[in-house]
PDB file of N, CA and C in Angstrom:
ATOM      1  N   UNK A   1      60.980 152.129-142.787  1.00  0.00           N
ATOM      2  CA  UNK A   1      60.300 151.980-144.068  1.00  0.00           C
ATOM      3  C   UNK A   1      61.944 150.496-144.699  1.00  0.00           C
ATOM      4  N   UNK A   2      60.503 149.929-145.211  1.00  0.00           N
ATOM      5  CA  UNK A   2      61.694 148.451-145.908  1.00  0.00           C
ATOM      6  C   UNK A   2      62.866 149.386-147.349  1.00  0.00           C
ATOM      7  N   UNK A   3      63.717 148.268-147.403  1.00  0.00           N
ATOM      8  CA  UNK A   3      64.684 148.953-148.499  1.00  0.00           C
ATOM      9  C   UNK A   3      64.089 148.951-149.592  1.00  0.00           C
ATOM     10  N   UNK A   4      62.846 148.066-150.023  1.00  0.00           N
ATOM     11  CA  UNK A   4      62.253 147.907-151.251  1.00  0.00           C
ATOM     12  C   UNK A   4      61.552 149.202-151.350  1.00  0.00           C
ATOM     13  N   UNK A   5      60.863 149.858-150.332  1.00  0.00           N
ATOM     14  CA  UNK A   5      60.390 150.948-150.033  1.00  0.00           C
ATOM     15  C   UNK A   5      61.260 152.200-150.708  1.00  0.00           C
ATOM     16  N   UNK A   6      62.760 152.059-150.131  1.00  0.00           N
ATOM     17  CA  UNK A   6      62.934 153.042-149.612  1.00  0.00           C
ATOM     18  C   UNK A   6      63.609 153.130-151.554  1.00  0.00           C
ATOM     19  N   UNK A   7      64.081 151.866-152.120  1.00  0.00           N
ATOM     20  CA  UNK A   7      64.483 152.160-153.404  1.00  0.00           C
ATOM     21  C   UNK A   7      63.142 152.373-154.453  1.00  0.00           C
ATOM     22  N   UNK A   8      62.026 152.023-154.195  1.00  0.00           N
ATOM     23  CA  UNK A   8      60.869 152.626-155.075  1.00  0.00           C
ATOM     24  C   UNK A   8      60.972 154.260-154.857  1.00  0.00           C
ATOM     25  N   UNK A   9      61.089 154.881-153.807  1.00  0.00           N
ATOM     26  CA  UNK A   9      61.141 156.408-153.362  1.00  0.00           C
ATOM     27  C   UNK A   9      62.457 156.790-154.502  1.00  0.00           C
ATOM     28  N   UNK A  10      63.278 156.088-154.471  1.00  0.00           N
ATOM     29  CA  UNK A  10      64.324 156.582-155.038  1.00  0.00           C
ATOM     30  C   UNK A  10      64.376 156.799-156.315  1.00  0.00           C
ATOM     31  N   UNK A  11      63.581 155.612-156.821  1.00  0.00           N
ATOM     32  CA  UNK A  11      63.474 155.491-158.533  1.00  0.00           C
ATOM     33  C   UNK A  11      62.204 157.173-158.670  1.00  0.00           C
ATOM     34  N   UNK A  12      61.439 156.999-157.898  1.00  0.00           N
ATOM     35  CA  UNK A  12      60.569 158.174-158.163  1.00  0.00           C
ATOM     36  C   UNK A  12      61.358 159.919-157.969  1.00  0.00           C
ATOM     37  N   UNK A  13      62.162 159.595-157.110  1.00  0.00           N
ATOM     38  CA  UNK A  13      62.484 161.029-157.017  1.00  0.00           C
ATOM     39  C   UNK A  13      63.798 161.091-158.006  1.00  0.00           C
ATOM     40  N   UNK A  14      64.249 160.127-159.159  1.00  0.00           N
ATOM     41  CA  UNK A  14      64.896 160.220-159.832  1.00  0.00           C
ATOM     42  C   UNK A  14      64.389 160.880-161.278  1.00  0.00           C
ATOM     43  N   UNK A  15      62.693 160.770-161.209  1.00  0.00           N
ATOM     44  CA  UNK A  15      61.968 161.023-162.400  1.00  0.00           C
ATOM     45  C   UNK A  15      61.671 162.839-162.367  1.00  0.00           C
ATOM     46  N   UNK A  16      62.091 163.218-160.972  1.00  0.00           N
ATOM     47  CA  UNK A  16      61.988 165.120-160.836  1.00  0.00           C
ATOM     48  C   UNK A  16      63.408 165.156-160.136  1.00  0.00           C
ATOM     49  N   UNK A  17      64.260 164.629-160.558  1.00  0.00           N
ATOM     50  CA  UNK A  17      65.559 165.472-160.271  1.00  0.00           C
ATOM     51  C   UNK A  17      65.758 167.208-161.086  1.00  0.00           C
ATOM     52  N   UNK A  18      66.371 167.876-160.578  1.00  0.00           N
ATOM     53  CA  UNK A  18      66.501 169.075-160.801  1.00  0.00           C
ATOM     54  C   UNK A  18      67.894 169.843-161.329  1.00  0.00           C
ATOM     55  N   UNK A  19      68.939 168.550-160.546  1.00  0.00           N
ATOM     56  CA  UNK A  19      70.129 169.224-160.815  1.00  0.00           C
ATOM     57  C   UNK A  19      71.042 168.050-160.933  1.00  0.00           C
ATOM     58  N   UNK A  20      72.360 167.974-161.729  1.00  0.00           N
ATOM     59  CA  UNK A  20      73.452 166.911-161.947  1.00  0.00           C
ATOM     60  C   UNK A  20      73.627 166.677-160.306  1.00  0.00           C
ATOM     61  N   UNK A  21      73.945 167.456-159.657  1.00  0.00           N
ATOM     62  CA  UNK A  21      74.296 167.291-158.251  1.00  0.00           C
ATOM     63  C   UNK A  21      73.289 166.312-157.032  1.00  0.00           C
ATOM     64  N   UNK A  22      71.971 167.218-157.575  1.00  0.00           N
ATOM     65  CA  UNK A  22      70.918 166.077-157.005  1.00  0.00           C
ATOM     66  C   UNK A  22      71.191 164.244-157.873  1.00  0.00           C
ATOM     67  N   UNK A  23      71.176 164.407-159.031  1.00  0.00           N
ATOM     68  CA  UNK A  23      71.266 162.777-159.605  1.00  0.00           C
ATOM     69  C   UNK A  23      72.190 162.376-158.945  1.00  0.00           C
ATOM     70  N   UNK A  24      73.555 162.889-158.770  1.00  0.00           N
ATOM     71  CA  UNK A  24      73.998 161.975-158.495  1.00  0.00           C
ATOM     72  C   UNK A  24      74.408 161.610-157.331  1.00  0.00           C
ATOM     73  N   UNK A  25      73.554 162.416-156.136  1.00  0.00           N
ATOM     74  CA  UNK A  25      73.467 161.913-154.794  1.00  0.00           C
ATOM     75  C   UNK A  25      72.340 160.776-154.962  1.00  0.00           C
ATOM     76  N   UNK A  26      71.250 161.291-155.464  1.00  0.00           N
ATOM     77  CA  UNK A  26      70.401 159.975-155.509  1.00  0.00           C
ATOM     78  C   UNK A  26      71.273 158.471-156.099  1.00  0.00           C
ATOM     79  N   UNK A  27      71.454 159.061-157.276  1.00  0.00           N
ATOM     80  CA  UNK A  27      72.284 157.510-157.834  1.00  0.00           C
ATOM     81  C   UNK A  27      73.443 157.031-156.532  1.00  0.00           C
ATOM     82  N   UNK A  28      74.336 157.780-155.576  1.00  0.00           N
ATOM     83  CA  UNK A  28      74.780 157.201-154.441  1.00  0.00           C
ATOM     84  C   UNK A  28      73.744 156.155-153.646  1.00  0.00           C
ATOM     85  N   UNK A  29      72.626 157.307-153.370  1.00  0.00           N
ATOM     86  CA  UNK A  29      71.848 156.336-152.214  1.00  0.00           C
ATOM     87  C   UNK A  29      71.299 155.127-153.136  1.00  0.00           C
ATOM     88  N   UNK A  30      71.091 155.031-154.212  1.00  0.00           N
ATOM     89  CA  UNK A  30      70.341 154.206-154.681  1.00  0.00           C
ATOM     90  C   UNK A  30      71.496 152.626-154.763  1.00  0.00           C
ATOM     91  N   UNK A  31      72.723 153.271-154.882  1.00  0.00           N
ATOM     92  CA  UNK A  31      73.658 151.817-155.138  1.00  0.00           C
ATOM     93  C   UNK A  31      74.328 151.507-153.917  1.00  0.00           C
ATOM     94  N   UNK A  32      73.711 152.033-152.526  1.00  0.00           N
ATOM     95  CA  UNK A  32      74.087 151.777-151.417  1.00  0.00           C
ATOM     96  C   UNK A  32      72.274 151.241-150.744  1.00  0.00           C
ATOM     97  N   UNK A  33      71.145 151.830-151.179  1.00  0.00           N
ATOM     98  CA  UNK A  33      70.218 150.997-151.214  1.00  0.00           C
ATOM     99  C   UNK A  33      69.973 149.211-151.861  1.00  0.00           C
ATOM    100  N   UNK A  34      71.079 149.388-153.112  1.00  0.00           N
ATOM    101  CA  UNK A  34      70.847 147.859-153.613  1.00  0.00           C
ATOM    102  C   UNK A  34      71.821 147.326-152.989  1.00  0.00           C
ATOM    103  N   UNK A  35      73.134 147.770-152.585  1.00  0.00           N
ATOM    104  CA  UNK A  35      74.117 147.056-152.150  1.00  0.00           C
ATOM    105  C   UNK A  35      74.040 146.456-150.720  1.00  0.00           C
ATOM    106  N   UNK A  36      73.088 146.892-149.900  1.00  0.00           N
ATOM    107  CA  UNK A  36      72.739 146.448-148.322  1.00  0.00           C
ATOM    108  C   UNK A  36      71.458 145.276-149.341  1.00  0.00           C
ATOM    109  N   UNK A  37      70.307 145.660-150.010  1.00  0.00           N
ATOM    110  CA  UNK A  37      69.794 144.733-150.519  1.00  0.00           C
ATOM    111  C   UNK A  37      70.350 143.463-151.320  1.00  0.00           C
ATOM    112  N   UNK A  38      70.922 143.478-151.580  1.00  0.00           N
ATOM    113  CA  UNK A  38      72.132 142.489-152.072  1.00  0.00           C
ATOM    114  C   UNK A  38      72.799 141.658-150.790  1.00  0.00           C
ATOM    115  N   UNK A  39      73.059 142.086-149.775  1.00  0.00           N
ATOM    116  CA  UNK A  39      73.608 141.565-148.960  1.00  0.00           C
ATOM    117  C   UNK A  39      72.568 140.864-148.114  1.00  0.00           C
ATOM    118  N   UNK A  40      71.531 141.224-148.123  1.00  0.00           N
ATOM    119  CA  UNK A  40      70.365 140.718-147.569  1.00  0.00           C
ATOM    120  C   UNK A  40      69.264 139.460-147.995  1.00  0.00           C
ATOM    121  N   UNK A  41      69.807 139.566-149.564  1.00  0.00           N
ATOM    122  CA  UNK A  41      69.452 138.144-150.217  1.00  0.00           C
ATOM    123  C   UNK A  41      70.159 137.401-149.946  1.00  0.00           C
ATOM    124  N   UNK A  42      71.731 137.772-150.025  1.00  0.00           N
ATOM    125  CA  UNK A  42      72.603 136.692-149.728  1.00  0.00           C
ATOM    126  C   UNK A  42      72.538 136.105-148.115  1.00  0.00           C
ATOM    127  N   UNK A  43      72.462 136.449-147.834  1.00  0.00           N
ATOM    128  CA  UNK A  43      72.053 136.158-146.187  1.00  0.00           C
ATOM    129  C   UNK A  43      71.212 135.117-146.344  1.00  0.00           C
ATOM    130  N   UNK A  44      70.024 135.147-146.738  1.00  0.00           N
ATOM    131  CA  UNK A  44      68.531 134.922-147.365  1.00  0.00           C
ATOM    132  C   UNK A  44      68.948 133.532-147.452  1.00  0.00           C
ATOM    133  N   UNK A  45      69.338 133.785-148.461  1.00  0.00           N
ATOM    134  CA  UNK A  45      69.843 132.879-149.549  1.00  0.00           C
ATOM    135  C   UNK A  45      70.776 131.319-148.717  1.00  0.00           C
ATOM    136  N   UNK A  46      71.727 131.877-148.009  1.00  0.00           N
ATOM    137  CA  UNK A  46      72.630 130.950-147.179  1.00  0.00           C
ATOM    138  C   UNK A  46      71.890 130.294-145.913  1.00  0.00           C
ATOM    139  N   UNK A  47      70.485 131.165-145.642  1.00  0.00           N
ATOM    140  CA  UNK A  47      69.781 130.481-144.176  1.00  0.00           C
ATOM    141  C   UNK A  47      69.276 129.234-144.836  1.00  0.00           C
ATOM    142  N   UNK A  48      68.907 129.257-145.856  1.00  0.00           N
ATOM    143  CA  UNK A  48      67.697 128.308-146.835  1.00  0.00           C
ATOM    144  C   UNK A  48      68.653 127.790-146.872  1.00  0.00           C
ATOM    145  N   UNK A  49      69.924 127.638-147.796  1.00  0.00           N
ATOM    146  CA  UNK A  49      70.673 126.723-148.189  1.00  0.00           C
ATOM    147  C   UNK A  49      71.162 125.672-146.471  1.00  0.00           C
ATOM    148  N   UNK A  50      71.352 126.448-145.580  1.00  0.00           N
ATOM    149  CA  UNK A  50      71.597 125.692-144.437  1.00  0.00           C
ATOM    150  C   UNK A  50      70.209 124.353-144.079  1.00  0.00           C
ATOM    151  N   UNK A  51      68.981 124.714-144.857  1.00  0.00           N
ATOM    152  CA  UNK A  51      67.781 124.202-144.319  1.00  0.00           C
ATOM    153  C   UNK A  51      67.548 123.187-144.825  1.00  0.00           C
ATOM    154  N   UNK A  52      68.254 122.885-145.642  1.00  0.00           N
ATOM    155  CA  UNK A  52      68.023 121.837-147.335  1.00  0.00           C
ATOM    156  C   UNK A  52      69.033 120.563-146.483  1.00  0.00           C
TER     157      UNK A  52
END
């Protein structure tokens, strides 16, 4: 599963949260996935900059 797909899945799960504990868990997973995606984006941008 791609990071994008994982984030989309987590967003869908947020609409069906049944407890505060579950909400916090999904939010933590979302934050981790977004941080990982940001790292990938930064690495890609650095790679593109080297091509110029």
